[in-house]
PDBML (XML) file of the C-alpha atoms, coordinates in Angstrom:
<?xml version="1.0" encoding="UTF-8" ?>
<PDBx:datablock datablockName="MODEL"
   xmlns:PDBx="http://pdbml.pdb.org/schema/pdbx-v50.xsd"
   xmlns:xsi="http://www.w3.org/2001/XMLSchema-instance"
   xsi:schemaLocation="http://pdbml.pdb.org/schema/pdbx-v50.xsd pdbx-v50.xsd">
   <PDBx:atom_siteCategory>
      <PDBx:atom_site id="1">
         <PDBx:B_iso_or_equiv>0.00</PDBx:B_iso_or_equiv>
         <PDBx:Cartn_x>-39.956</PDBx:Cartn_x>
         <PDBx:Cartn_y>-59.121</PDBx:Cartn_y>
         <PDBx:Cartn_z>91.048</PDBx:Cartn_z>
         <PDBx:auth_asym_id>A</PDBx:auth_asym_id>
         <PDBx:auth_atom_id>CA</PDBx:auth_atom_id>
         <PDBx:auth_comp_id>CYS</PDBx:auth_comp_id>
         <PDBx:auth_seq_id>1</PDBx:auth_seq_id>
         <PDBx:group_PDB>ATOM</PDBx:group_PDB>
         <PDBx:label_alt_id xsi:nil="true" />
         <PDBx:label_asym_id>A</PDBx:label_asym_id>
         <PDBx:label_atom_id>CA</PDBx:label_atom_id>
         <PDBx:label_comp_id>CYS</PDBx:label_comp_id>
         <PDBx:label_entity_id>1</PDBx:label_entity_id>
         <PDBx:label_seq_id>1</PDBx:label_seq_id>
         <PDBx:occupancy>1.00</PDBx:occupancy>
         <PDBx:pdbx_PDB_model_num>1</PDBx:pdbx_PDB_model_num>
         <PDBx:type_symbol>C</PDBx:type_symbol>
      </PDBx:atom_site>
      <PDBx:atom_site id="2">
         <PDBx:B_iso_or_equiv>0.00</PDBx:B_iso_or_equiv>
         <PDBx:Cartn_x>-39.589</PDBx:Cartn_x>
         <PDBx:Cartn_y>-56.425</PDBx:Cartn_y>
         <PDBx:Cartn_z>89.299</PDBx:Cartn_z>
         <PDBx:auth_asym_id>A</PDBx:auth_asym_id>
         <PDBx:auth_atom_id>CA</PDBx:auth_atom_id>
         <PDBx:auth_comp_id>ILE</PDBx:auth_comp_id>
         <PDBx:auth_seq_id>2</PDBx:auth_seq_id>
         <PDBx:group_PDB>ATOM</PDBx:group_PDB>
         <PDBx:label_alt_id xsi:nil="true" />
         <PDBx:label_asym_id>A</PDBx:label_asym_id>
         <PDBx:label_atom_id>CA</PDBx:label_atom_id>
         <PDBx:label_comp_id>ILE</PDBx:label_comp_id>
         <PDBx:label_entity_id>1</PDBx:label_entity_id>
         <PDBx:label_seq_id>2</PDBx:label_seq_id>
         <PDBx:occupancy>1.00</PDBx:occupancy>
         <PDBx:pdbx_PDB_model_num>1</PDBx:pdbx_PDB_model_num>
         <PDBx:type_symbol>C</PDBx:type_symbol>
      </PDBx:atom_site>
      <PDBx:atom_site id="3">
         <PDBx:B_iso_or_equiv>0.00</PDBx:B_iso_or_equiv>
         <PDBx:Cartn_x>-42.442</PDBx:Cartn_x>
         <PDBx:Cartn_y>-57.167</PDBx:Cartn_y>
         <PDBx:Cartn_z>86.930</PDBx:Cartn_z>
         <PDBx:auth_asym_id>A</PDBx:auth_asym_id>
         <PDBx:auth_atom_id>CA</PDBx:auth_atom_id>
         <PDBx:auth_comp_id>VAL</PDBx:auth_comp_id>
         <PDBx:auth_seq_id>3</PDBx:auth_seq_id>
         <PDBx:group_PDB>ATOM</PDBx:group_PDB>
         <PDBx:label_alt_id xsi:nil="true" />
         <PDBx:label_asym_id>A</PDBx:label_asym_id>
         <PDBx:label_atom_id>CA</PDBx:label_atom_id>
         <PDBx:label_comp_id>VAL</PDBx:label_comp_id>
         <PDBx:label_entity_id>1</PDBx:label_entity_id>
         <PDBx:label_seq_id>3</PDBx:label_seq_id>
         <PDBx:occupancy>1.00</PDBx:occupancy>
         <PDBx:pdbx_PDB_model_num>1</PDBx:pdbx_PDB_model_num>
         <PDBx:type_symbol>C</PDBx:type_symbol>
      </PDBx:atom_site>
      <PDBx:atom_site id="4">
         <PDBx:B_iso_or_equiv>0.00</PDBx:B_iso_or_equiv>
         <PDBx:Cartn_x>-44.761</PDBx:Cartn_x>
         <PDBx:Cartn_y>-58.246</PDBx:Cartn_y>
         <PDBx:Cartn_z>89.613</PDBx:Cartn_z>
         <PDBx:auth_asym_id>A</PDBx:auth_asym_id>
         <PDBx:auth_atom_id>CA</PDBx:auth_atom_id>
         <PDBx:auth_comp_id>GLU</PDBx:auth_comp_id>
         <PDBx:auth_seq_id>4</PDBx:auth_seq_id>
         <PDBx:group_PDB>ATOM</PDBx:group_PDB>
         <PDBx:label_alt_id xsi:nil="true" />
         <PDBx:label_asym_id>A</PDBx:label_asym_id>
         <PDBx:label_atom_id>CA</PDBx:label_atom_id>
         <PDBx:label_comp_id>GLU</PDBx:label_comp_id>
         <PDBx:label_entity_id>1</PDBx:label_entity_id>
         <PDBx:label_seq_id>4</PDBx:label_seq_id>
         <PDBx:occupancy>1.00</PDBx:occupancy>
         <PDBx:pdbx_PDB_model_num>1</PDBx:pdbx_PDB_model_num>
         <PDBx:type_symbol>C</PDBx:type_symbol>
      </PDBx:atom_site>
      <PDBx:atom_site id="5">
         <PDBx:B_iso_or_equiv>0.00</PDBx:B_iso_or_equiv>
         <PDBx:Cartn_x>-44.055</PDBx:Cartn_x>
         <PDBx:Cartn_y>-54.150</PDBx:Cartn_y>
         <PDBx:Cartn_z>91.365</PDBx:Cartn_z>
         <PDBx:auth_asym_id>A</PDBx:auth_asym_id>
         <PDBx:auth_atom_id>CA</PDBx:auth_atom_id>
         <PDBx:auth_comp_id>ARG</PDBx:auth_comp_id>
         <PDBx:auth_seq_id>5</PDBx:auth_seq_id>
         <PDBx:group_PDB>ATOM</PDBx:group_PDB>
         <PDBx:label_alt_id xsi:nil="true" />
         <PDBx:label_asym_id>A</PDBx:label_asym_id>
         <PDBx:label_atom_id>CA</PDBx:label_atom_id>
         <PDBx:label_comp_id>ARG</PDBx:label_comp_id>
         <PDBx:label_entity_id>1</PDBx:label_entity_id>
         <PDBx:label_seq_id>5</PDBx:label_seq_id>
         <PDBx:occupancy>1.00</PDBx:occupancy>
         <PDBx:pdbx_PDB_model_num>1</PDBx:pdbx_PDB_model_num>
         <PDBx:type_symbol>C</PDBx:type_symbol>
      </PDBx:atom_site>
      <PDBx:atom_site id="6">
         <PDBx:B_iso_or_equiv>0.00</PDBx:B_iso_or_equiv>
         <PDBx:Cartn_x>-43.630</PDBx:Cartn_x>
         <PDBx:Cartn_y>-52.274</PDBx:Cartn_y>
         <PDBx:Cartn_z>88.302</PDBx:Cartn_z>
         <PDBx:auth_asym_id>A</PDBx:auth_asym_id>
         <PDBx:auth_atom_id>CA</PDBx:auth_atom_id>
         <PDBx:auth_comp_id>PHE</PDBx:auth_comp_id>
         <PDBx:auth_seq_id>6</PDBx:auth_seq_id>
         <PDBx:group_PDB>ATOM</PDBx:group_PDB>
         <PDBx:label_alt_id xsi:nil="true" />
         <PDBx:label_asym_id>A</PDBx:label_asym_id>
         <PDBx:label_atom_id>CA</PDBx:label_atom_id>
         <PDBx:label_comp_id>PHE</PDBx:label_comp_id>
         <PDBx:label_entity_id>1</PDBx:label_entity_id>
         <PDBx:label_seq_id>6</PDBx:label_seq_id>
         <PDBx:occupancy>1.00</PDBx:occupancy>
         <PDBx:pdbx_PDB_model_num>1</PDBx:pdbx_PDB_model_num>
         <PDBx:type_symbol>C</PDBx:type_symbol>
      </PDBx:atom_site>
      <PDBx:atom_site id="7">
         <PDBx:B_iso_or_equiv>0.00</PDBx:B_iso_or_equiv>
         <PDBx:Cartn_x>-45.174</PDBx:Cartn_x>
         <PDBx:Cartn_y>-54.839</PDBx:Cartn_y>
         <PDBx:Cartn_z>85.593</PDBx:Cartn_z>
         <PDBx:auth_asym_id>A</PDBx:auth_asym_id>
         <PDBx:auth_atom_id>CA</PDBx:auth_atom_id>
         <PDBx:auth_comp_id>GLY</PDBx:auth_comp_id>
         <PDBx:auth_seq_id>7</PDBx:auth_seq_id>
         <PDBx:group_PDB>ATOM</PDBx:group_PDB>
         <PDBx:label_alt_id xsi:nil="true" />
         <PDBx:label_asym_id>A</PDBx:label_asym_id>
         <PDBx:label_atom_id>CA</PDBx:label_atom_id>
         <PDBx:label_comp_id>GLY</PDBx:label_comp_id>
         <PDBx:label_entity_id>1</PDBx:label_entity_id>
         <PDBx:label_seq_id>7</PDBx:label_seq_id>
         <PDBx:occupancy>1.00</PDBx:occupancy>
         <PDBx:pdbx_PDB_model_num>1</PDBx:pdbx_PDB_model_num>
         <PDBx:type_symbol>C</PDBx:type_symbol>
      </PDBx:atom_site>
      <PDBx:atom_site id="8">
         <PDBx:B_iso_or_equiv>0.00</PDBx:B_iso_or_equiv>
         <PDBx:Cartn_x>-42.013</PDBx:Cartn_x>
         <PDBx:Cartn_y>-53.471</PDBx:Cartn_y>
         <PDBx:Cartn_z>82.913</PDBx:Cartn_z>
         <PDBx:auth_asym_id>A</PDBx:auth_asym_id>
         <PDBx:auth_atom_id>CA</PDBx:auth_atom_id>
         <PDBx:auth_comp_id>VAL</PDBx:auth_comp_id>
         <PDBx:auth_seq_id>8</PDBx:auth_seq_id>
         <PDBx:group_PDB>ATOM</PDBx:group_PDB>
         <PDBx:label_alt_id xsi:nil="true" />
         <PDBx:label_asym_id>A</PDBx:label_asym_id>
         <PDBx:label_atom_id>CA</PDBx:label_atom_id>
         <PDBx:label_comp_id>VAL</PDBx:label_comp_id>
         <PDBx:label_entity_id>1</PDBx:label_entity_id>
         <PDBx:label_seq_id>8</PDBx:label_seq_id>
         <PDBx:occupancy>1.00</PDBx:occupancy>
         <PDBx:pdbx_PDB_model_num>1</PDBx:pdbx_PDB_model_num>
         <PDBx:type_symbol>C</PDBx:type_symbol>
      </PDBx:atom_site>
      <PDBx:atom_site id="9">
         <PDBx:B_iso_or_equiv>0.00</PDBx:B_iso_or_equiv>
         <PDBx:Cartn_x>-41.685</PDBx:Cartn_x>
         <PDBx:Cartn_y>-54.635</PDBx:Cartn_y>
         <PDBx:Cartn_z>79.630</PDBx:Cartn_z>
         <PDBx:auth_asym_id>A</PDBx:auth_asym_id>
         <PDBx:auth_atom_id>CA</PDBx:auth_atom_id>
         <PDBx:auth_comp_id>ASP</PDBx:auth_comp_id>
         <PDBx:auth_seq_id>9</PDBx:auth_seq_id>
         <PDBx:group_PDB>ATOM</PDBx:group_PDB>
         <PDBx:label_alt_id xsi:nil="true" />
         <PDBx:label_asym_id>A</PDBx:label_asym_id>
         <PDBx:label_atom_id>CA</PDBx:label_atom_id>
         <PDBx:label_comp_id>ASP</PDBx:label_comp_id>
         <PDBx:label_entity_id>1</PDBx:label_entity_id>
         <PDBx:label_seq_id>9</PDBx:label_seq_id>
         <PDBx:occupancy>1.00</PDBx:occupancy>
         <PDBx:pdbx_PDB_model_num>1</PDBx:pdbx_PDB_model_num>
         <PDBx:type_symbol>C</PDBx:type_symbol>
      </PDBx:atom_site>
      <PDBx:atom_site id="10">
         <PDBx:B_iso_or_equiv>0.00</PDBx:B_iso_or_equiv>
         <PDBx:Cartn_x>-38.470</PDBx:Cartn_x>
         <PDBx:Cartn_y>-56.513</PDBx:Cartn_y>
         <PDBx:Cartn_z>78.613</PDBx:Cartn_z>
         <PDBx:auth_asym_id>A</PDBx:auth_asym_id>
         <PDBx:auth_atom_id>CA</PDBx:auth_atom_id>
         <PDBx:auth_comp_id>PRO</PDBx:auth_comp_id>
         <PDBx:auth_seq_id>10</PDBx:auth_seq_id>
         <PDBx:group_PDB>ATOM</PDBx:group_PDB>
         <PDBx:label_alt_id xsi:nil="true" />
         <PDBx:label_asym_id>A</PDBx:label_asym_id>
         <PDBx:label_atom_id>CA</PDBx:label_atom_id>
         <PDBx:label_comp_id>PRO</PDBx:label_comp_id>
         <PDBx:label_entity_id>1</PDBx:label_entity_id>
         <PDBx:label_seq_id>10</PDBx:label_seq_id>
         <PDBx:occupancy>1.00</PDBx:occupancy>
         <PDBx:pdbx_PDB_model_num>1</PDBx:pdbx_PDB_model_num>
         <PDBx:type_symbol>C</PDBx:type_symbol>
      </PDBx:atom_site>
      <PDBx:atom_site id="11">
         <PDBx:B_iso_or_equiv>0.00</PDBx:B_iso_or_equiv>
         <PDBx:Cartn_x>-38.574</PDBx:Cartn_x>
         <PDBx:Cartn_y>-55.538</PDBx:Cartn_y>
         <PDBx:Cartn_z>74.662</PDBx:Cartn_z>
         <PDBx:auth_asym_id>A</PDBx:auth_asym_id>
         <PDBx:auth_atom_id>CA</PDBx:auth_atom_id>
         <PDBx:auth_comp_id>SER</PDBx:auth_comp_id>
         <PDBx:auth_seq_id>11</PDBx:auth_seq_id>
         <PDBx:group_PDB>ATOM</PDBx:group_PDB>
         <PDBx:label_alt_id xsi:nil="true" />
         <PDBx:label_asym_id>A</PDBx:label_asym_id>
         <PDBx:label_atom_id>CA</PDBx:label_atom_id>
         <PDBx:label_comp_id>SER</PDBx:label_comp_id>
         <PDBx:label_entity_id>1</PDBx:label_entity_id>
         <PDBx:label_seq_id>11</PDBx:label_seq_id>
         <PDBx:occupancy>1.00</PDBx:occupancy>
         <PDBx:pdbx_PDB_model_num>1</PDBx:pdbx_PDB_model_num>
         <PDBx:type_symbol>C</PDBx:type_symbol>
      </PDBx:atom_site>
      <PDBx:atom_site id="12">
         <PDBx:B_iso_or_equiv>0.00</PDBx:B_iso_or_equiv>
         <PDBx:Cartn_x>-38.414</PDBx:Cartn_x>
         <PDBx:Cartn_y>-51.996</PDBx:Cartn_y>
         <PDBx:Cartn_z>76.201</PDBx:Cartn_z>
         <PDBx:auth_asym_id>A</PDBx:auth_asym_id>
         <PDBx:auth_atom_id>CA</PDBx:auth_atom_id>
         <PDBx:auth_comp_id>ARG</PDBx:auth_comp_id>
         <PDBx:auth_seq_id>12</PDBx:auth_seq_id>
         <PDBx:group_PDB>ATOM</PDBx:group_PDB>
         <PDBx:label_alt_id xsi:nil="true" />
         <PDBx:label_asym_id>A</PDBx:label_asym_id>
         <PDBx:label_atom_id>CA</PDBx:label_atom_id>
         <PDBx:label_comp_id>ARG</PDBx:label_comp_id>
         <PDBx:label_entity_id>1</PDBx:label_entity_id>
         <PDBx:label_seq_id>12</PDBx:label_seq_id>
         <PDBx:occupancy>1.00</PDBx:occupancy>
         <PDBx:pdbx_PDB_model_num>1</PDBx:pdbx_PDB_model_num>
         <PDBx:type_symbol>C</PDBx:type_symbol>
      </PDBx:atom_site>
      <PDBx:atom_site id="13">
         <PDBx:B_iso_or_equiv>0.00</PDBx:B_iso_or_equiv>
         <PDBx:Cartn_x>-36.197</PDBx:Cartn_x>
         <PDBx:Cartn_y>-52.602</PDBx:Cartn_y>
         <PDBx:Cartn_z>79.196</PDBx:Cartn_z>
         <PDBx:auth_asym_id>A</PDBx:auth_asym_id>
         <PDBx:auth_atom_id>CA</PDBx:auth_atom_id>
         <PDBx:auth_comp_id>THR</PDBx:auth_comp_id>
         <PDBx:auth_seq_id>13</PDBx:auth_seq_id>
         <PDBx:group_PDB>ATOM</PDBx:group_PDB>
         <PDBx:label_alt_id xsi:nil="true" />
         <PDBx:label_asym_id>A</PDBx:label_asym_id>
         <PDBx:label_atom_id>CA</PDBx:label_atom_id>
         <PDBx:label_comp_id>THR</PDBx:label_comp_id>
         <PDBx:label_entity_id>1</PDBx:label_entity_id>
         <PDBx:label_seq_id>13</PDBx:label_seq_id>
         <PDBx:occupancy>1.00</PDBx:occupancy>
         <PDBx:pdbx_PDB_model_num>1</PDBx:pdbx_PDB_model_num>
         <PDBx:type_symbol>C</PDBx:type_symbol>
      </PDBx:atom_site>
      <PDBx:atom_site id="14">
         <PDBx:B_iso_or_equiv>0.00</PDBx:B_iso_or_equiv>
         <PDBx:Cartn_x>-32.273</PDBx:Cartn_x>
         <PDBx:Cartn_y>-52.384</PDBx:Cartn_y>
         <PDBx:Cartn_z>79.150</PDBx:Cartn_z>
         <PDBx:auth_asym_id>A</PDBx:auth_asym_id>
         <PDBx:auth_atom_id>CA</PDBx:auth_atom_id>
         <PDBx:auth_comp_id>LEU</PDBx:auth_comp_id>
         <PDBx:auth_seq_id>14</PDBx:auth_seq_id>
         <PDBx:group_PDB>ATOM</PDBx:group_PDB>
         <PDBx:label_alt_id xsi:nil="true" />
         <PDBx:label_asym_id>A</PDBx:label_asym_id>
         <PDBx:label_atom_id>CA</PDBx:label_atom_id>
         <PDBx:label_comp_id>LEU</PDBx:label_comp_id>
         <PDBx:label_entity_id>1</PDBx:label_entity_id>
         <PDBx:label_seq_id>14</PDBx:label_seq_id>
         <PDBx:occupancy>1.00</PDBx:occupancy>
         <PDBx:pdbx_PDB_model_num>1</PDBx:pdbx_PDB_model_num>
         <PDBx:type_symbol>C</PDBx:type_symbol>
      </PDBx:atom_site>
      <PDBx:atom_site id="15">
         <PDBx:B_iso_or_equiv>0.00</PDBx:B_iso_or_equiv>
         <PDBx:Cartn_x>-29.548</PDBx:Cartn_x>
         <PDBx:Cartn_y>-54.232</PDBx:Cartn_y>
         <PDBx:Cartn_z>81.387</PDBx:Cartn_z>
         <PDBx:auth_asym_id>A</PDBx:auth_asym_id>
         <PDBx:auth_atom_id>CA</PDBx:auth_atom_id>
         <PDBx:auth_comp_id>MET</PDBx:auth_comp_id>
         <PDBx:auth_seq_id>15</PDBx:auth_seq_id>
         <PDBx:group_PDB>ATOM</PDBx:group_PDB>
         <PDBx:label_alt_id xsi:nil="true" />
         <PDBx:label_asym_id>A</PDBx:label_asym_id>
         <PDBx:label_atom_id>CA</PDBx:label_atom_id>
         <PDBx:label_comp_id>MET</PDBx:label_comp_id>
         <PDBx:label_entity_id>1</PDBx:label_entity_id>
         <PDBx:label_seq_id>15</PDBx:label_seq_id>
         <PDBx:occupancy>1.00</PDBx:occupancy>
         <PDBx:pdbx_PDB_model_num>1</PDBx:pdbx_PDB_model_num>
         <PDBx:type_symbol>C</PDBx:type_symbol>
      </PDBx:atom_site>
      <PDBx:atom_site id="16">
         <PDBx:B_iso_or_equiv>0.00</PDBx:B_iso_or_equiv>
         <PDBx:Cartn_x>-26.803</PDBx:Cartn_x>
         <PDBx:Cartn_y>-52.018</PDBx:Cartn_y>
         <PDBx:Cartn_z>82.490</PDBx:Cartn_z>
         <PDBx:auth_asym_id>A</PDBx:auth_asym_id>
         <PDBx:auth_atom_id>CA</PDBx:auth_atom_id>
         <PDBx:auth_comp_id>VAL</PDBx:auth_comp_id>
         <PDBx:auth_seq_id>16</PDBx:auth_seq_id>
         <PDBx:group_PDB>ATOM</PDBx:group_PDB>
         <PDBx:label_alt_id xsi:nil="true" />
         <PDBx:label_asym_id>A</PDBx:label_asym_id>
         <PDBx:label_atom_id>CA</PDBx:label_atom_id>
         <PDBx:label_comp_id>VAL</PDBx:label_comp_id>
         <PDBx:label_entity_id>1</PDBx:label_entity_id>
         <PDBx:label_seq_id>16</PDBx:label_seq_id>
         <PDBx:occupancy>1.00</PDBx:occupancy>
         <PDBx:pdbx_PDB_model_num>1</PDBx:pdbx_PDB_model_num>
         <PDBx:type_symbol>C</PDBx:type_symbol>
      </PDBx:atom_site>
      <PDBx:atom_site id="17">
         <PDBx:B_iso_or_equiv>0.00</PDBx:B_iso_or_equiv>
         <PDBx:Cartn_x>-23.833</PDBx:Cartn_x>
         <PDBx:Cartn_y>-53.782</PDBx:Cartn_y>
         <PDBx:Cartn_z>84.033</PDBx:Cartn_z>
         <PDBx:auth_asym_id>A</PDBx:auth_asym_id>
         <PDBx:auth_atom_id>CA</PDBx:auth_atom_id>
         <PDBx:auth_comp_id>GLY</PDBx:auth_comp_id>
         <PDBx:auth_seq_id>17</PDBx:auth_seq_id>
         <PDBx:group_PDB>ATOM</PDBx:group_PDB>
         <PDBx:label_alt_id xsi:nil="true" />
         <PDBx:label_asym_id>A</PDBx:label_asym_id>
         <PDBx:label_atom_id>CA</PDBx:label_atom_id>
         <PDBx:label_comp_id>GLY</PDBx:label_comp_id>
         <PDBx:label_entity_id>1</PDBx:label_entity_id>
         <PDBx:label_seq_id>17</PDBx:label_seq_id>
         <PDBx:occupancy>1.00</PDBx:occupancy>
         <PDBx:pdbx_PDB_model_num>1</PDBx:pdbx_PDB_model_num>
         <PDBx:type_symbol>C</PDBx:type_symbol>
      </PDBx:atom_site>
      <PDBx:atom_site id="18">
         <PDBx:B_iso_or_equiv>0.00</PDBx:B_iso_or_equiv>
         <PDBx:Cartn_x>-20.342</PDBx:Cartn_x>
         <PDBx:Cartn_y>-54.292</PDBx:Cartn_y>
         <PDBx:Cartn_z>84.713</PDBx:Cartn_z>
         <PDBx:auth_asym_id>A</PDBx:auth_asym_id>
         <PDBx:auth_atom_id>CA</PDBx:auth_atom_id>
         <PDBx:auth_comp_id>ASP</PDBx:auth_comp_id>
         <PDBx:auth_seq_id>18</PDBx:auth_seq_id>
         <PDBx:group_PDB>ATOM</PDBx:group_PDB>
         <PDBx:label_alt_id xsi:nil="true" />
         <PDBx:label_asym_id>A</PDBx:label_asym_id>
         <PDBx:label_atom_id>CA</PDBx:label_atom_id>
         <PDBx:label_comp_id>ASP</PDBx:label_comp_id>
         <PDBx:label_entity_id>1</PDBx:label_entity_id>
         <PDBx:label_seq_id>18</PDBx:label_seq_id>
         <PDBx:occupancy>1.00</PDBx:occupancy>
         <PDBx:pdbx_PDB_model_num>1</PDBx:pdbx_PDB_model_num>
         <PDBx:type_symbol>C</PDBx:type_symbol>
      </PDBx:atom_site>
      <PDBx:atom_site id="19">
         <PDBx:B_iso_or_equiv>0.00</PDBx:B_iso_or_equiv>
         <PDBx:Cartn_x>-20.050</PDBx:Cartn_x>
         <PDBx:Cartn_y>-58.525</PDBx:Cartn_y>
         <PDBx:Cartn_z>85.160</PDBx:Cartn_z>
         <PDBx:auth_asym_id>A</PDBx:auth_asym_id>
         <PDBx:auth_atom_id>CA</PDBx:auth_atom_id>
         <PDBx:auth_comp_id>ARG</PDBx:auth_comp_id>
         <PDBx:auth_seq_id>19</PDBx:auth_seq_id>
         <PDBx:group_PDB>ATOM</PDBx:group_PDB>
         <PDBx:label_alt_id xsi:nil="true" />
         <PDBx:label_asym_id>A</PDBx:label_asym_id>
         <PDBx:label_atom_id>CA</PDBx:label_atom_id>
         <PDBx:label_comp_id>ARG</PDBx:label_comp_id>
         <PDBx:label_entity_id>1</PDBx:label_entity_id>
         <PDBx:label_seq_id>19</PDBx:label_seq_id>
         <PDBx:occupancy>1.00</PDBx:occupancy>
         <PDBx:pdbx_PDB_model_num>1</PDBx:pdbx_PDB_model_num>
         <PDBx:type_symbol>C</PDBx:type_symbol>
      </PDBx:atom_site>
      <PDBx:atom_site id="20">
         <PDBx:B_iso_or_equiv>0.00</PDBx:B_iso_or_equiv>
         <PDBx:Cartn_x>-20.429</PDBx:Cartn_x>
         <PDBx:Cartn_y>-60.471</PDBx:Cartn_y>
         <PDBx:Cartn_z>82.179</PDBx:Cartn_z>
         <PDBx:auth_asym_id>A</PDBx:auth_asym_id>
         <PDBx:auth_atom_id>CA</PDBx:auth_atom_id>
         <PDBx:auth_comp_id>LEU</PDBx:auth_comp_id>
         <PDBx:auth_seq_id>20</PDBx:auth_seq_id>
         <PDBx:group_PDB>ATOM</PDBx:group_PDB>
         <PDBx:label_alt_id xsi:nil="true" />
         <PDBx:label_asym_id>A</PDBx:label_asym_id>
         <PDBx:label_atom_id>CA</PDBx:label_atom_id>
         <PDBx:label_comp_id>LEU</PDBx:label_comp_id>
         <PDBx:label_entity_id>1</PDBx:label_entity_id>
         <PDBx:label_seq_id>20</PDBx:label_seq_id>
         <PDBx:occupancy>1.00</PDBx:occupancy>
         <PDBx:pdbx_PDB_model_num>1</PDBx:pdbx_PDB_model_num>
         <PDBx:type_symbol>C</PDBx:type_symbol>
      </PDBx:atom_site>
      <PDBx:atom_site id="21">
         <PDBx:B_iso_or_equiv>0.00</PDBx:B_iso_or_equiv>
         <PDBx:Cartn_x>-21.362</PDBx:Cartn_x>
         <PDBx:Cartn_y>-63.741</PDBx:Cartn_y>
         <PDBx:Cartn_z>84.687</PDBx:Cartn_z>
         <PDBx:auth_asym_id>A</PDBx:auth_asym_id>
         <PDBx:auth_atom_id>CA</PDBx:auth_atom_id>
         <PDBx:auth_comp_id>GLU</PDBx:auth_comp_id>
         <PDBx:auth_seq_id>21</PDBx:auth_seq_id>
         <PDBx:group_PDB>ATOM</PDBx:group_PDB>
         <PDBx:label_alt_id xsi:nil="true" />
         <PDBx:label_asym_id>A</PDBx:label_asym_id>
         <PDBx:label_atom_id>CA</PDBx:label_atom_id>
         <PDBx:label_comp_id>GLU</PDBx:label_comp_id>
         <PDBx:label_entity_id>1</PDBx:label_entity_id>
         <PDBx:label_seq_id>21</PDBx:label_seq_id>
         <PDBx:occupancy>1.00</PDBx:occupancy>
         <PDBx:pdbx_PDB_model_num>1</PDBx:pdbx_PDB_model_num>
         <PDBx:type_symbol>C</PDBx:type_symbol>
      </PDBx:atom_site>
      <PDBx:atom_site id="22">
         <PDBx:B_iso_or_equiv>0.00</PDBx:B_iso_or_equiv>
         <PDBx:Cartn_x>-23.695</PDBx:Cartn_x>
         <PDBx:Cartn_y>-61.912</PDBx:Cartn_y>
         <PDBx:Cartn_z>86.353</PDBx:Cartn_z>
         <PDBx:auth_asym_id>A</PDBx:auth_asym_id>
         <PDBx:auth_atom_id>CA</PDBx:auth_atom_id>
         <PDBx:auth_comp_id>THR</PDBx:auth_comp_id>
         <PDBx:auth_seq_id>22</PDBx:auth_seq_id>
         <PDBx:group_PDB>ATOM</PDBx:group_PDB>
         <PDBx:label_alt_id xsi:nil="true" />
         <PDBx:label_asym_id>A</PDBx:label_asym_id>
         <PDBx:label_atom_id>CA</PDBx:label_atom_id>
         <PDBx:label_comp_id>THR</PDBx:label_comp_id>
         <PDBx:label_entity_id>1</PDBx:label_entity_id>
         <PDBx:label_seq_id>22</PDBx:label_seq_id>
         <PDBx:occupancy>1.00</PDBx:occupancy>
         <PDBx:pdbx_PDB_model_num>1</PDBx:pdbx_PDB_model_num>
         <PDBx:type_symbol>C</PDBx:type_symbol>
      </PDBx:atom_site>
      <PDBx:atom_site id="23">
         <PDBx:B_iso_or_equiv>0.00</PDBx:B_iso_or_equiv>
         <PDBx:Cartn_x>-25.621</PDBx:Cartn_x>
         <PDBx:Cartn_y>-58.464</PDBx:Cartn_y>
         <PDBx:Cartn_z>84.756</PDBx:Cartn_z>
         <PDBx:auth_asym_id>A</PDBx:auth_asym_id>
         <PDBx:auth_atom_id>CA</PDBx:auth_atom_id>
         <PDBx:auth_comp_id>ASP</PDBx:auth_comp_id>
         <PDBx:auth_seq_id>23</PDBx:auth_seq_id>
         <PDBx:group_PDB>ATOM</PDBx:group_PDB>
         <PDBx:label_alt_id xsi:nil="true" />
         <PDBx:label_asym_id>A</PDBx:label_asym_id>
         <PDBx:label_atom_id>CA</PDBx:label_atom_id>
         <PDBx:label_comp_id>ASP</PDBx:label_comp_id>
         <PDBx:label_entity_id>1</PDBx:label_entity_id>
         <PDBx:label_seq_id>23</PDBx:label_seq_id>
         <PDBx:occupancy>1.00</PDBx:occupancy>
         <PDBx:pdbx_PDB_model_num>1</PDBx:pdbx_PDB_model_num>
         <PDBx:type_symbol>C</PDBx:type_symbol>
      </PDBx:atom_site>
      <PDBx:atom_site id="24">
         <PDBx:B_iso_or_equiv>0.00</PDBx:B_iso_or_equiv>
         <PDBx:Cartn_x>-25.045</PDBx:Cartn_x>
         <PDBx:Cartn_y>-59.581</PDBx:Cartn_y>
         <PDBx:Cartn_z>81.260</PDBx:Cartn_z>
         <PDBx:auth_asym_id>A</PDBx:auth_asym_id>
         <PDBx:auth_atom_id>CA</PDBx:auth_atom_id>
         <PDBx:auth_comp_id>ILE</PDBx:auth_comp_id>
         <PDBx:auth_seq_id>24</PDBx:auth_seq_id>
         <PDBx:group_PDB>ATOM</PDBx:group_PDB>
         <PDBx:label_alt_id xsi:nil="true" />
         <PDBx:label_asym_id>A</PDBx:label_asym_id>
         <PDBx:label_atom_id>CA</PDBx:label_atom_id>
         <PDBx:label_comp_id>ILE</PDBx:label_comp_id>
         <PDBx:label_entity_id>1</PDBx:label_entity_id>
         <PDBx:label_seq_id>24</PDBx:label_seq_id>
         <PDBx:occupancy>1.00</PDBx:occupancy>
         <PDBx:pdbx_PDB_model_num>1</PDBx:pdbx_PDB_model_num>
         <PDBx:type_symbol>C</PDBx:type_symbol>
      </PDBx:atom_site>
   </PDBx:atom_siteCategory>
</PDBx:datablock>
């Protein structure tokens, strides 16, 4: 959904989260 709306490049995008089993 994010890629469809904003066209982000996964190789230049970071994911920040607090839960290993979901966010990471």
